[in-house]
């Protein structure tokens, strides 16, 4: 059977309006991992990885696929606003949610996302 451990790119979004985004590269991720366990792993990495100090104060609670390799990139550079079916379901594994090798996943606060979706305006 094919090795299920993959590299994933997590786009930690602190601010949608100001495009405050930092990528977190995670290696050897088992795609059979439950999404809720994966969120905890990413949150722990944010707290312990150097360079994420400004991102440590937010309580990130949602994940959404930004880009799947060999797929179409979204028009919005901050987050994929077009495809609401790309939200990751906490009760499924990463693979069941459509995550594959080198998928870019946005990690953000849902309340901030909903405000931005109503008025997707950049302030910088």
PDB file of N, CA and C in Angstrom:
ATOM      1  N   UNK A   1       0.841  -1.190   0.000  1.00  0.00           N
ATOM      2  CA  UNK A   1       0.000   0.000   0.000  1.00  0.00           C
ATOM      3  C   UNK A   1       0.879   1.245   0.000  1.00  0.00           C
ATOM      4  N   UNK A   2       0.413   2.273  -0.663  1.00  0.00           N
ATOM      5  CA  UNK A   2       1.176   3.522  -0.772  1.00  0.00           C
ATOM      6  C   UNK A   2       1.354   4.176   0.595  1.00  0.00           C
ATOM      7  N   UNK A   3       2.508   4.780   0.805  1.00  0.00           N
ATOM      8  CA  UNK A   3       2.779   5.500   2.040  1.00  0.00           C
ATOM      9  C   UNK A   3       1.824   6.679   2.161  1.00  0.00           C
ATOM     10  N   UNK A   4       1.090   6.746   3.257  1.00  0.00           N
ATOM     11  CA  UNK A   4       0.082   7.787   3.447  1.00  0.00           C
ATOM     12  C   UNK A   4       0.634   9.045   4.130  1.00  0.00           C
ATOM     13  N   UNK A   5       1.926   9.083   4.450  1.00  0.00           N
ATOM     14  CA  UNK A   5       2.500  10.255   5.102  1.00  0.00           C
ATOM     15  C   UNK A   5       2.899  11.278   4.051  1.00  0.00           C
ATOM     16  N   UNK A   6       2.385  12.484   4.190  1.00  0.00           N
ATOM     17  CA  UNK A   6       2.554  13.513   3.167  1.00  0.00           C
ATOM     18  C   UNK A   6       2.985  14.848   3.769  1.00  0.00           C
ATOM     19  N   UNK A   7       3.414  15.748   2.871  1.00  0.00           N
ATOM     20  CA  UNK A   7       3.731  17.130   3.237  1.00  0.00           C
ATOM     21  C   UNK A   7       2.484  17.968   2.999  1.00  0.00           C
ATOM     22  N   UNK A   8       2.120  18.795   3.974  1.00  0.00           N
ATOM     23  CA  UNK A   8       0.990  19.708   3.835  1.00  0.00           C
ATOM     24  C   UNK A   8       1.434  21.125   4.163  1.00  0.00           C
ATOM     25  N   UNK A   9       0.849  22.099   3.482  1.00  0.00           N
ATOM     26  CA  UNK A   9       1.139  23.512   3.722  1.00  0.00           C
ATOM     27  C   UNK A   9      -0.069  24.105   4.421  1.00  0.00           C
ATOM     28  N   UNK A  10       0.142  24.628   5.620  1.00  0.00           N
ATOM     29  CA  UNK A  10      -0.928  25.252   6.386  1.00  0.00           C
ATOM     30  C   UNK A  10      -0.741  26.764   6.305  1.00  0.00           C
ATOM     31  N   UNK A  11      -1.743  27.455   5.813  1.00  0.00           N
ATOM     32  CA  UNK A  11      -1.736  28.911   5.684  1.00  0.00           C
ATOM     33  C   UNK A  11      -2.438  29.478   6.911  1.00  0.00           C
ATOM     34  N   UNK A  12      -1.681  29.869   7.918  1.00  0.00           N
ATOM     35  CA  UNK A  12      -2.253  30.405   9.151  1.00  0.00           C
ATOM     36  C   UNK A  12      -2.625  31.864   8.883  1.00  0.00           C
ATOM     37  N   UNK A  13      -3.924  32.174   8.978  1.00  0.00           N
ATOM     38  CA  UNK A  13      -4.420  33.512   8.648  1.00  0.00           C
ATOM     39  C   UNK A  13      -4.765  34.254   9.933  1.00  0.00           C
ATOM     40  N   UNK A  14      -4.003  35.294  10.211  1.00  0.00           N
ATOM     41  CA  UNK A  14      -4.261  36.127  11.385  1.00  0.00           C
ATOM     42  C   UNK A  14      -5.265  37.219  11.055  1.00  0.00           C
ATOM     43  N   UNK A  15      -5.132  37.826   9.870  1.00  0.00           N
ATOM     44  CA  UNK A  15      -6.032  38.895   9.447  1.00  0.00           C
ATOM     45  C   UNK A  15      -6.344  38.733   7.968  1.00  0.00           C
ATOM     46  N   UNK A  16      -7.628  38.685   7.652  1.00  0.00           N
ATOM     47  CA  UNK A  16      -8.045  38.596   6.245  1.00  0.00           C
ATOM     48  C   UNK A  16      -7.853  39.932   5.541  1.00  0.00           C
ATOM     49  N   UNK A  17      -8.252  41.024   6.188  1.00  0.00           N
ATOM     50  CA  UNK A  17      -8.214  42.346   5.567  1.00  0.00           C
ATOM     51  C   UNK A  17      -6.797  42.793   5.235  1.00  0.00           C
ATOM     52  N   UNK A  18      -5.867  42.493   6.111  1.00  0.00           N
ATOM     53  CA  UNK A  18      -4.478  42.920   5.916  1.00  0.00           C
ATOM     54  C   UNK A  18      -3.605  41.812   5.325  1.00  0.00           C
ATOM     55  N   UNK A  19      -4.215  40.692   4.986  1.00  0.00           N
ATOM     56  CA  UNK A  19      -3.503  39.541   4.420  1.00  0.00           C
ATOM     57  C   UNK A  19      -2.317  39.108   5.280  1.00  0.00           C
ATOM     58  N   UNK A  20      -2.532  39.037   6.568  1.00  0.00           N
ATOM     59  CA  UNK A  20      -1.488  38.581   7.484  1.00  0.00           C
ATOM     60  C   UNK A  20      -1.542  37.057   7.516  1.00  0.00           C
ATOM     61  N   UNK A  21      -0.675  36.464   6.711  1.00  0.00           N
ATOM     62  CA  UNK A  21      -0.666  35.014   6.526  1.00  0.00           C
ATOM     63  C   UNK A  21       0.771  34.508   6.666  1.00  0.00           C
ATOM     64  N   UNK A  22       0.916  33.386   7.330  1.00  0.00           N
ATOM     65  CA  UNK A  22       2.233  32.754   7.432  1.00  0.00           C
ATOM     66  C   UNK A  22       2.055  31.264   7.170  1.00  0.00           C
ATOM     67  N   UNK A  23       2.918  30.730   6.335  1.00  0.00           N
ATOM     68  CA  UNK A  23       2.841  29.308   6.000  1.00  0.00           C
ATOM     69  C   UNK A  23       3.580  28.465   7.023  1.00  0.00           C
ATOM     70  N   UNK A  24       2.962  27.359   7.365  1.00  0.00           N
ATOM     71  CA  UNK A  24       3.551  26.367   8.249  1.00  0.00           C
ATOM     72  C   UNK A  24       3.629  25.072   7.445  1.00  0.00           C
ATOM     73  N   UNK A  25       4.847  24.600   7.198  1.00  0.00           N
ATOM     74  CA  UNK A  25       5.053  23.376   6.416  1.00  0.00           C
ATOM     75  C   UNK A  25       5.133  22.198   7.384  1.00  0.00           C
ATOM     76  N   UNK A  26       4.244  21.234   7.189  1.00  0.00           N
ATOM     77  CA  UNK A  26       4.242  20.048   8.039  1.00  0.00           C
ATOM     78  C   UNK A  26       4.610  18.831   7.196  1.00  0.00           C
ATOM     79  N   UNK A  27       5.591  18.081   7.682  1.00  0.00           N
ATOM     80  CA  UNK A  27       6.074  16.895   6.968  1.00  0.00           C
ATOM     81  C   UNK A  27       5.590  15.636   7.670  1.00  0.00           C
ATOM     82  N   UNK A  28       5.520  14.567   6.899  1.00  0.00           N
ATOM     83  CA  UNK A  28       5.158  13.244   7.416  1.00  0.00           C
ATOM     84  C   UNK A  28       3.808  13.242   8.138  1.00  0.00           C
ATOM     85  N   UNK A  29       2.827  13.856   7.509  1.00  0.00           N
ATOM     86  CA  UNK A  29       1.478  13.880   8.072  1.00  0.00           C
ATOM     87  C   UNK A  29       0.697  12.690   7.528  1.00  0.00           C
ATOM     88  N   UNK A  30       0.101  11.947   8.422  1.00  0.00           N
ATOM     89  CA  UNK A  30      -0.732  10.809   8.035  1.00  0.00           C
ATOM     90  C   UNK A  30      -2.093  11.349   7.593  1.00  0.00           C
ATOM     91  N   UNK A  31      -2.460  11.104   6.343  1.00  0.00           N
ATOM     92  CA  UNK A  31      -3.720  11.622   5.817  1.00  0.00           C
ATOM     93  C   UNK A  31      -4.934  10.904   6.392  1.00  0.00           C
ATOM     94  N   UNK A  32      -4.713   9.850   7.154  1.00  0.00           N
ATOM     95  CA  UNK A  32      -5.815   9.169   7.832  1.00  0.00           C
ATOM     96  C   UNK A  32      -6.099   9.781   9.203  1.00  0.00           C
ATOM     97  N   UNK A  33      -5.375  10.847   9.539  1.00  0.00           N
ATOM     98  CA  UNK A  33      -5.578  11.553  10.804  1.00  0.00           C
ATOM     99  C   UNK A  33      -6.923  12.260  10.793  1.00  0.00           C
ATOM    100  N   UNK A  34      -7.620  12.203  11.909  1.00  0.00           N
ATOM    101  CA  UNK A  34      -8.883  12.906  12.068  1.00  0.00           C
ATOM    102  C   UNK A  34      -8.621  14.413  12.048  1.00  0.00           C
ATOM    103  N   UNK A  35      -9.522  15.197  11.454  1.00  0.00           N
ATOM    104  CA  UNK A  35      -9.321  16.647  11.315  1.00  0.00           C
ATOM    105  C   UNK A  35      -9.228  17.332  12.677  1.00  0.00           C
ATOM    106  N   UNK A  36     -10.030  16.921  13.651  1.00  0.00           N
ATOM    107  CA  UNK A  36      -9.961  17.564  14.968  1.00  0.00           C
ATOM    108  C   UNK A  36      -8.596  17.329  15.624  1.00  0.00           C
ATOM    109  N   UNK A  37      -8.026  16.132  15.452  1.00  0.00           N
ATOM    110  CA  UNK A  37      -6.682  15.855  15.977  1.00  0.00           C
ATOM    111  C   UNK A  37      -5.633  16.665  15.218  1.00  0.00           C
ATOM    112  N   UNK A  38      -5.840  16.830  13.922  1.00  0.00           N
ATOM    113  CA  UNK A  38      -4.912  17.603  13.096  1.00  0.00           C
ATOM    114  C   UNK A  38      -4.926  19.077  13.506  1.00  0.00           C
ATOM    115  N   UNK A  39      -6.095  19.621  13.810  1.00  0.00           N
ATOM    116  CA  UNK A  39      -6.189  21.013  14.266  1.00  0.00           C
ATOM    117  C   UNK A  39      -5.393  21.206  15.556  1.00  0.00           C
ATOM    118  N   UNK A  40      -5.495  20.237  16.460  1.00  0.00           N
ATOM    119  CA  UNK A  40      -4.730  20.319  17.721  1.00  0.00           C
ATOM    120  C   UNK A  40      -3.236  20.282  17.437  1.00  0.00           C
ATOM    121  N   UNK A  41      -2.799  19.413  16.528  1.00  0.00           N
ATOM    122  CA  UNK A  41      -1.389  19.330  16.150  1.00  0.00           C
ATOM    123  C   UNK A  41      -0.899  20.668  15.581  1.00  0.00           C
ATOM    124  N   UNK A  42      -1.686  21.258  14.684  1.00  0.00           N
ATOM    125  CA  UNK A  42      -1.298  22.537  14.070  1.00  0.00           C
ATOM    126  C   UNK A  42      -1.267  23.639  15.120  1.00  0.00           C
ATOM    127  N   UNK A  43      -2.252  23.676  16.002  1.00  0.00           N
ATOM    128  CA  UNK A  43      -2.273  24.685  17.069  1.00  0.00           C
ATOM    129  C   UNK A  43      -1.041  24.566  17.956  1.00  0.00           C
ATOM    130  N   UNK A  44      -0.648  23.334  18.280  1.00  0.00           N
ATOM    131  CA  UNK A  44       0.556  23.107  19.090  1.00  0.00           C
ATOM    132  C   UNK A  44       1.809  23.570  18.348  1.00  0.00           C
ATOM    133  N   UNK A  45       1.863  23.321  17.039  1.00  0.00           N
ATOM    134  CA  UNK A  45       3.017  23.760  16.227  1.00  0.00           C
ATOM    135  C   UNK A  45       3.105  25.287  16.192  1.00  0.00           C
ATOM    136  N   UNK A  46       1.972  25.957  16.102  1.00  0.00           N
ATOM    137  CA  UNK A  46       1.966  27.429  16.086  1.00  0.00           C
ATOM    138  C   UNK A  46       2.546  27.958  17.394  1.00  0.00           C
ATOM    139  N   UNK A  47       2.202  27.310  18.494  1.00  0.00           N
ATOM    140  CA  UNK A  47       2.682  27.753  19.805  1.00  0.00           C
ATOM    141  C   UNK A  47       4.172  27.504  20.007  1.00  0.00           C
ATOM    142  N   UNK A  48       4.749  26.527  19.308  1.00  0.00           N
ATOM    143  CA  UNK A  48       6.142  26.149  19.557  1.00  0.00           C
ATOM    144  C   UNK A  48       7.111  26.498  18.431  1.00  0.00           C
ATOM    145  N   UNK A  49       6.605  26.895  17.267  1.00  0.00           N
ATOM    146  CA  UNK A  49       7.476  27.169  16.129  1.00  0.00           C
ATOM    147  C   UNK A  49       7.947  28.618  16.162  1.00  0.00           C
ATOM    148  N   UNK A  50       9.267  28.846  16.055  1.00  0.00           N
ATOM    149  CA  UNK A  50       9.780  30.222  16.022  1.00  0.00           C
ATOM    150  C   UNK A  50       9.206  30.989  14.823  1.00  0.00           C
ATOM    151  N   UNK A  51       8.935  32.263  15.029  1.00  0.00           N
ATOM    152  CA  UNK A  51       8.428  33.106  13.957  1.00  0.00           C
ATOM    153  C   UNK A  51       6.918  33.244  13.956  1.00  0.00           C
ATOM    154  N   UNK A  52       6.230  32.528  14.825  1.00  0.00           N
ATOM    155  CA  UNK A  52       4.769  32.592  14.868  1.00  0.00           C
ATOM    156  C   UNK A  52       4.253  33.390  16.069  1.00  0.00           C
ATOM    157  N   UNK A  53       5.103  34.192  16.687  1.00  0.00           N
ATOM    158  CA  UNK A  53       4.706  34.946  17.872  1.00  0.00           C
ATOM    159  C   UNK A  53       3.441  35.780  17.661  1.00  0.00           C
ATOM    160  N   UNK A  54       3.302  36.557  16.573  1.00  0.00           N
ATOM    161  CA  UNK A  54       2.071  37.340  16.403  1.00  0.00           C
ATOM    162  C   UNK A  54       0.825  36.481  16.176  1.00  0.00           C
ATOM    163  N   UNK A  55       0.997  35.226  15.833  1.00  0.00           N
ATOM    164  CA  UNK A  55      -0.120  34.344  15.519  1.00  0.00           C
ATOM    165  C   UNK A  55      -0.587  33.545  16.737  1.00  0.00           C
ATOM    166  N   UNK A  56       0.141  33.613  17.832  1.00  0.00           N
ATOM    167  CA  UNK A  56      -0.155  32.778  18.995  1.00  0.00           C
ATOM    168  C   UNK A  56      -1.376  33.226  19.779  1.00  0.00           C
ATOM    169  N   UNK A  57      -1.814  34.465  19.604  1.00  0.00           N
ATOM    170  CA  UNK A  57      -2.896  35.003  20.428  1.00  0.00           C
ATOM    171  C   UNK A  57      -4.291  34.635  19.924  1.00  0.00           C
ATOM    172  N   UNK A  58      -4.416  34.202  18.692  1.00  0.00           N
ATOM    173  CA  UNK A  58      -5.720  33.856  18.120  1.00  0.00           C
ATOM    174  C   UNK A  58      -6.099  32.418  18.463  1.00  0.00           C
ATOM    175  N   UNK A  59      -7.398  32.174  18.577  1.00  0.00           N
ATOM    176  CA  UNK A  59      -7.920  30.830  18.802  1.00  0.00           C
ATOM    177  C   UNK A  59      -8.479  30.312  17.471  1.00  0.00           C
ATOM    178  N   UNK A  60      -7.616  29.752  16.645  1.00  0.00           N
ATOM    179  CA  UNK A  60      -8.006  29.263  15.323  1.00  0.00           C
ATOM    180  C   UNK A  60      -8.932  28.057  15.486  1.00  0.00           C
ATOM    181  N   UNK A  61     -10.026  28.054  14.704  1.00  0.00           N
ATOM    182  CA  UNK A  61     -11.010  26.997  14.894  1.00  0.00           C
ATOM    183  C   UNK A  61     -11.498  26.345  13.602  1.00  0.00           C
ATOM    184  N   UNK A  62     -11.078  26.846  12.448  1.00  0.00           N
ATOM    185  CA  UNK A  62     -11.600  26.320  11.190  1.00  0.00           C
ATOM    186  C   UNK A  62     -10.497  26.081  10.170  1.00  0.00           C
ATOM    187  N   UNK A  63     -10.746  25.090   9.320  1.00  0.00           N
ATOM    188  CA  UNK A  63      -9.814  24.782   8.229  1.00  0.00           C
ATOM    189  C   UNK A  63     -10.596  24.670   6.940  1.00  0.00           C
ATOM    190  N   UNK A  64      -9.975  25.166   5.875  1.00  0.00           N
ATOM    191  CA  UNK A  64     -10.586  25.107   4.558  1.00  0.00           C
ATOM    192  C   UNK A  64      -9.479  24.902   3.533  1.00  0.00           C
ATOM    193  N   UNK A  65      -9.729  24.047   2.564  1.00  0.00           N
ATOM    194  CA  UNK A  65      -8.738  23.815   1.515  1.00  0.00           C
ATOM    195  C   UNK A  65      -8.623  25.082   0.679  1.00  0.00           C
ATOM    196  N   UNK A  66      -7.388  25.581   0.546  1.00  0.00           N
ATOM    197  CA  UNK A  66      -7.131  26.753  -0.290  1.00  0.00           C
ATOM    198  C   UNK A  66      -6.823  26.319  -1.718  1.00  0.00           C
ATOM    199  N   UNK A  67      -6.004  25.297  -1.826  1.00  0.00           N
ATOM    200  CA  UNK A  67      -5.555  24.858  -3.145  1.00  0.00           C
ATOM    201  C   UNK A  67      -5.173  23.389  -3.099  1.00  0.00           C
ATOM    202  N   UNK A  68      -5.653  22.637  -4.087  1.00  0.00           N
ATOM    203  CA  UNK A  68      -5.269  21.243  -4.263  1.00  0.00           C
ATOM    204  C   UNK A  68      -4.311  21.192  -5.451  1.00  0.00           C
ATOM    205  N   UNK A  69      -3.167  20.509  -5.335  1.00  0.00           N
ATOM    206  CA  UNK A  69      -2.218  20.441  -6.450  1.00  0.00           C
ATOM    207  C   UNK A  69      -2.894  20.022  -7.757  1.00  0.00           C
ATOM    208  N   UNK A  70      -2.489  20.669  -8.825  1.00  0.00           N
ATOM    209  CA  UNK A  70      -3.007  20.440 -10.172  1.00  0.00           C
ATOM    210  C   UNK A  70      -4.460  20.881 -10.317  1.00  0.00           C
ATOM    211  N   UNK A  71      -4.933  21.670  -9.360  1.00  0.00           N
ATOM    212  CA  UNK A  71      -6.288  22.211  -9.431  1.00  0.00           C
ATOM    213  C   UNK A  71      -6.232  23.698  -9.724  1.00  0.00           C
ATOM    214  N   UNK A  72      -7.394  24.313  -9.758  1.00  0.00           N
ATOM    215  CA  UNK A  72      -7.480  25.734 -10.059  1.00  0.00           C
ATOM    216  C   UNK A  72      -7.232  26.551  -8.802  1.00  0.00           C
ATOM    217  N   UNK A  73      -6.369  27.568  -8.914  1.00  0.00           N
ATOM    218  CA  UNK A  73      -6.117  28.465  -7.784  1.00  0.00           C
ATOM    219  C   UNK A  73      -7.278  29.445  -7.665  1.00  0.00           C
ATOM    220  N   UNK A  74      -7.624  29.818  -6.428  1.00  0.00           N
ATOM    221  CA  UNK A  74      -8.708  30.790  -6.260  1.00  0.00           C
ATOM    222  C   UNK A  74      -8.267  32.198  -6.665  1.00  0.00           C
ATOM    223  N   UNK A  75      -9.241  33.042  -6.987  1.00  0.00           N
ATOM    224  CA  UNK A  75      -8.939  34.424  -7.370  1.00  0.00           C
ATOM    225  C   UNK A  75      -8.497  35.259  -6.180  1.00  0.00           C
ATOM    226  N   UNK A  76      -9.055  34.981  -5.019  1.00  0.00           N
ATOM    227  CA  UNK A  76      -8.710  35.731  -3.819  1.00  0.00           C
ATOM    228  C   UNK A  76      -7.397  35.181  -3.259  1.00  0.00           C
ATOM    229  N   UNK A  77      -6.429  36.055  -3.015  1.00  0.00           N
ATOM    230  CA  UNK A  77      -5.120  35.614  -2.535  1.00  0.00           C
ATOM    231  C   UNK A  77      -5.113  35.262  -1.054  1.00  0.00           C
ATOM    232  N   UNK A  78      -6.155  35.670  -0.322  1.00  0.00           N
ATOM    233  CA  UNK A  78      -6.193  35.409   1.109  1.00  0.00           C
ATOM    234  C   UNK A  78      -6.798  34.043   1.424  1.00  0.00           C
ATOM    235  N   UNK A  79      -7.976  33.785   0.877  1.00  0.00           N
ATOM    236  CA  UNK A  79      -8.669  32.518   1.156  1.00  0.00           C
ATOM    237  C   UNK A  79      -9.581  32.177  -0.019  1.00  0.00           C
ATOM    238  N   UNK A  80      -9.904  30.911  -0.137  1.00  0.00           N
ATOM    239  CA  UNK A  80     -10.793  30.444  -1.191  1.00  0.00           C
ATOM    240  C   UNK A  80     -12.232  30.753  -0.783  1.00  0.00           C
ATOM    241  N   UNK A  81     -12.810  31.824  -1.332  1.00  0.00           N
ATOM    242  CA  UNK A  81     -14.172  32.222  -0.994  1.00  0.00           C
ATOM    243  C   UNK A  81     -15.220  31.512  -1.854  1.00  0.00           C
ATOM    244  N   UNK A  82     -14.816  30.977  -2.993  1.00  0.00           N
ATOM    245  CA  UNK A  82     -15.776  30.426  -3.947  1.00  0.00           C
ATOM    246  C   UNK A  82     -16.335  29.070  -3.539  1.00  0.00           C
ATOM    247  N   UNK A  83     -15.542  28.227  -2.924  1.00  0.00           N
ATOM    248  CA  UNK A  83     -15.935  26.836  -2.700  1.00  0.00           C
ATOM    249  C   UNK A  83     -16.169  26.537  -1.221  1.00  0.00           C
ATOM    250  N   UNK A  84     -17.416  26.676  -0.771  1.00  0.00           N
ATOM    251  CA  UNK A  84     -17.717  26.403   0.636  1.00  0.00           C
ATOM    252  C   UNK A  84     -17.691  24.912   0.958  1.00  0.00           C
ATOM    253  N   UNK A  85     -17.694  24.057  -0.054  1.00  0.00           N
ATOM    254  CA  UNK A  85     -17.601  22.620   0.206  1.00  0.00           C
ATOM    255  C   UNK A  85     -16.165  22.202   0.552  1.00  0.00           C
ATOM    256  N   UNK A  86     -15.219  23.147   0.522  1.00  0.00           N
ATOM    257  CA  UNK A  86     -13.828  22.851   0.864  1.00  0.00           C
ATOM    258  C   UNK A  86     -13.540  22.932   2.364  1.00  0.00           C
ATOM    259  N   UNK A  87     -14.533  23.263   3.185  1.00  0.00           N
ATOM    260  CA  UNK A  87     -14.314  23.257   4.633  1.00  0.00           C
ATOM    261  C   UNK A  87     -14.048  21.832   5.088  1.00  0.00           C
ATOM    262  N   UNK A  88     -13.103  21.668   6.019  1.00  0.00           N
ATOM    263  CA  UNK A  88     -12.776  20.335   6.511  1.00  0.00           C
ATOM    264  C   UNK A  88     -13.746  19.953   7.631  1.00  0.00           C
ATOM    265  N   UNK A  89     -14.325  18.775   7.503  1.00  0.00           N
ATOM    266  CA  UNK A  89     -15.263  18.243   8.483  1.00  0.00           C
ATOM    267  C   UNK A  89     -14.469  17.593   9.618  1.00  0.00           C
ATOM    268  N   UNK A  90     -14.727  18.021  10.853  1.00  0.00           N
ATOM    269  CA  UNK A  90     -13.987  17.521  12.015  1.00  0.00           C
ATOM    270  C   UNK A  90     -14.144  16.026  12.236  1.00  0.00           C
ATOM    271  N   UNK A  91     -15.250  15.457  11.770  1.00  0.00           N
ATOM    272  CA  UNK A  91     -15.535  14.041  12.028  1.00  0.00           C
ATOM    273  C   UNK A  91     -14.952  13.106  10.980  1.00  0.00           C
ATOM    274  N   UNK A  92     -14.270  13.653   9.990  1.00  0.00           N
ATOM    275  CA  UNK A  92     -13.672  12.842   8.930  1.00  0.00           C
ATOM    276  C   UNK A  92     -12.152  12.958   8.974  1.00  0.00           C
ATOM    277  N   UNK A  93     -11.488  12.054   8.269  1.00  0.00           N
ATOM    278  CA  UNK A  93     -10.025  12.130   8.168  1.00  0.00           C
ATOM    279  C   UNK A  93      -9.662  13.179   7.119  1.00  0.00           C
ATOM    280  N   UNK A  94      -8.390  13.529   7.083  1.00  0.00           N
ATOM    281  CA  UNK A  94      -7.922  14.475   6.070  1.00  0.00           C
ATOM    282  C   UNK A  94      -8.187  13.928   4.668  1.00  0.00           C
ATOM    283  N   UNK A  95      -7.891  12.658   4.452  1.00  0.00           N
ATOM    284  CA  UNK A  95      -8.087  12.041   3.140  1.00  0.00           C
ATOM    285  C   UNK A  95      -9.560  12.049   2.732  1.00  0.00           C
ATOM    286  N   UNK A  96     -10.445  11.771   3.667  1.00  0.00           N
ATOM    287  CA  UNK A  96     -11.886  11.777   3.376  1.00  0.00           C
ATOM    288  C   UNK A  96     -12.384  13.170   3.013  1.00  0.00           C
ATOM    289  N   UNK A  97     -11.675  14.201   3.461  1.00  0.00           N
ATOM    290  CA  UNK A  97     -12.024  15.583   3.134  1.00  0.00           C
ATOM    291  C   UNK A  97     -11.400  16.048   1.821  1.00  0.00           C
ATOM    292  N   UNK A  98     -10.655  15.180   1.145  1.00  0.00           N
ATOM    293  CA  UNK A  98     -10.074  15.524  -0.146  1.00  0.00           C
ATOM    294  C   UNK A  98      -8.660  16.076  -0.077  1.00  0.00           C
ATOM    295  N   UNK A  99      -8.004  15.943   1.067  1.00  0.00           N
ATOM    296  CA  UNK A  99      -6.630  16.421   1.220  1.00  0.00           C
ATOM    297  C   UNK A  99      -5.680  15.401   0.597  1.00  0.00           C
ATOM    298  N   UNK A 100      -4.767  15.885  -0.235  1.00  0.00           N
ATOM    299  CA  UNK A 100      -3.757  15.053  -0.879  1.00  0.00           C
ATOM    300  C   UNK A 100      -2.383  15.680  -0.640  1.00  0.00           C
ATOM    301  N   UNK A 101      -1.353  15.039  -1.191  1.00  0.00           N
ATOM    302  CA  UNK A 101       0.022  15.521  -1.049  1.00  0.00           C
ATOM    303  C   UNK A 101       0.145  16.985  -1.479  1.00  0.00           C
ATOM    304  N   UNK A 102       0.747  17.812  -0.645  1.00  0.00           N
ATOM    305  CA  UNK A 102       1.016  19.233  -0.878  1.00  0.00           C
ATOM    306  C   UNK A 102      -0.246  20.085  -1.035  1.00  0.00           C
ATOM    307  N   UNK A 103      -1.326  19.680  -0.421  1.00  0.00           N
ATOM    308  CA  UNK A 103      -2.530  20.512  -0.381  1.00  0.00           C
ATOM    309  C   UNK A 103      -2.252  21.706   0.524  1.00  0.00           C
ATOM    310  N   UNK A 104      -2.731  22.880   0.118  1.00  0.00           N
ATOM    311  CA  UNK A 104      -2.627  24.081   0.952  1.00  0.00           C
ATOM    312  C   UNK A 104      -3.945  24.232   1.703  1.00  0.00           C
ATOM    313  N   UNK A 105      -3.845  24.300   3.036  1.00  0.00           N
ATOM    314  CA  UNK A 105      -5.025  24.395   3.892  1.00  0.00           C
ATOM    315  C   UNK A 105      -4.962  25.691   4.680  1.00  0.00           C
ATOM    316  N   UNK A 106      -6.037  26.460   4.642  1.00  0.00           N
ATOM    317  CA  UNK A 106      -6.128  27.688   5.428  1.00  0.00           C
ATOM    318  C   UNK A 106      -6.635  27.340   6.821  1.00  0.00           C
ATOM    319  N   UNK A 107      -6.011  27.948   7.841  1.00  0.00           N
ATOM    320  CA  UNK A 107      -6.383  27.755   9.241  1.00  0.00           C
ATOM    321  C   UNK A 107      -6.700  29.135   9.794  1.00  0.00           C
ATOM    322  N   UNK A 108      -7.920  29.336  10.295  1.00  0.00           N
ATOM    323  CA  UNK A 108      -8.384  30.680  10.618  1.00  0.00           C
ATOM    324  C   UNK A 108      -9.492  30.640  11.662  1.00  0.00           C
ATOM    325  N   UNK A 109      -9.948  31.840  12.058  1.00  0.00           N
ATOM    326  CA  UNK A 109     -11.074  31.991  12.979  1.00  0.00           C
ATOM    327  C   UNK A 109     -12.340  32.168  12.137  1.00  0.00           C
ATOM    328  N   UNK A 110     -13.326  31.330  12.348  1.00  0.00           N
ATOM    329  CA  UNK A 110     -14.542  31.347  11.524  1.00  0.00           C
ATOM    330  C   UNK A 110     -15.264  32.690  11.583  1.00  0.00           C
ATOM    331  N   UNK A 111     -15.328  33.300  12.737  1.00  0.00           N
ATOM    332  CA  UNK A 111     -16.000  34.596  12.878  1.00  0.00           C
ATOM    333  C   UNK A 111     -15.352  35.651  11.970  1.00  0.00           C
ATOM    334  N   UNK A 112     -14.029  35.661  11.921  1.00  0.00           N
ATOM    335  CA  UNK A 112     -13.304  36.597  11.048  1.00  0.00           C
ATOM    336  C   UNK A 112     -13.587  36.288   9.571  1.00  0.00           C
ATOM    337  N   UNK A 113     -13.663  35.005   9.242  1.00  0.00           N
ATOM    338  CA  UNK A 113     -13.945  34.589   7.865  1.00  0.00           C
ATOM    339  C   UNK A 113     -15.320  35.082   7.414  1.00  0.00           C
ATOM    340  N   UNK A 114     -16.322  34.917   8.269  1.00  0.00           N
ATOM    341  CA  UNK A 114     -17.678  35.325   7.906  1.00  0.00           C
ATOM    342  C   UNK A 114     -17.776  36.832   7.691  1.00  0.00           C
ATOM    343  N   UNK A 115     -17.078  37.602   8.528  1.00  0.00           N
ATOM    344  CA  UNK A 115     -17.043  39.065   8.339  1.00  0.00           C
ATOM    345  C   UNK A 115     -16.373  39.424   7.014  1.00  0.00           C
ATOM    346  N   UNK A 116     -15.277  38.767   6.712  1.00  0.00           N
ATOM    347  CA  UNK A 116     -14.545  39.038   5.475  1.00  0.00           C
ATOM    348  C   UNK A 116     -15.351  38.616   4.250  1.00  0.00           C
ATOM    349  N   UNK A 117     -16.073  37.517   4.364  1.00  0.00           N
ATOM    350  CA  UNK A 117     -16.857  37.028   3.223  1.00  0.00           C
ATOM    351  C   UNK A 117     -17.977  38.008   2.871  1.00  0.00           C
ATOM    352  N   UNK A 118     -18.548  38.676   3.871  1.00  0.00           N
ATOM    353  CA  UNK A 118     -19.590  39.677   3.621  1.00  0.00           C
ATOM    354  C   UNK A 118     -19.037  40.863   2.842  1.00  0.00           C
ATOM    355  N   UNK A 119     -17.810  41.253   3.155  1.00  0.00           N
ATOM    356  CA  UNK A 119     -17.178  42.398   2.501  1.00  0.00           C
ATOM    357  C   UNK A 119     -15.695  42.093   2.288  1.00  0.00           C
ATOM    358  N   UNK A 120     -15.351  41.376   1.201  1.00  0.00           N
ATOM    359  CA  UNK A 120     -13.949  40.980   0.968  1.00  0.00           C
ATOM    360  C   UNK A 120     -13.088  42.144   0.462  1.00  0.00           C
ATOM    361  N   UNK A 121     -12.776  43.023   1.380  1.00  0.00           N
ATOM    362  CA  UNK A 121     -11.987  44.222   1.041  1.00  0.00           C
ATOM    363  C   UNK A 121     -10.654  44.164   1.764  1.00  0.00           C
ATOM    364  N   UNK A 122      -9.583  44.457   1.028  1.00  0.00           N
ATOM    365  CA  UNK A 122      -8.258  44.497   1.626  1.00  0.00           C
ATOM    366  C   UNK A 122      -7.939  45.927   2.042  1.00  0.00           C
ATOM    367  N   UNK A 123      -7.320  46.090   3.209  1.00  0.00           N
ATOM    368  CA  UNK A 123      -7.059  47.417   3.748  1.00  0.00           C
ATOM    369  C   UNK A 123      -5.630  47.892   3.588  1.00  0.00           C
ATOM    370  N   UNK A 124      -4.837  47.148   2.913  1.00  0.00           N
ATOM    371  CA  UNK A 124      -3.457  47.603   2.746  1.00  0.00           C
ATOM    372  C   UNK A 124      -3.304  48.052   1.349  1.00  0.00           C
TER     373      UNK A 124
END
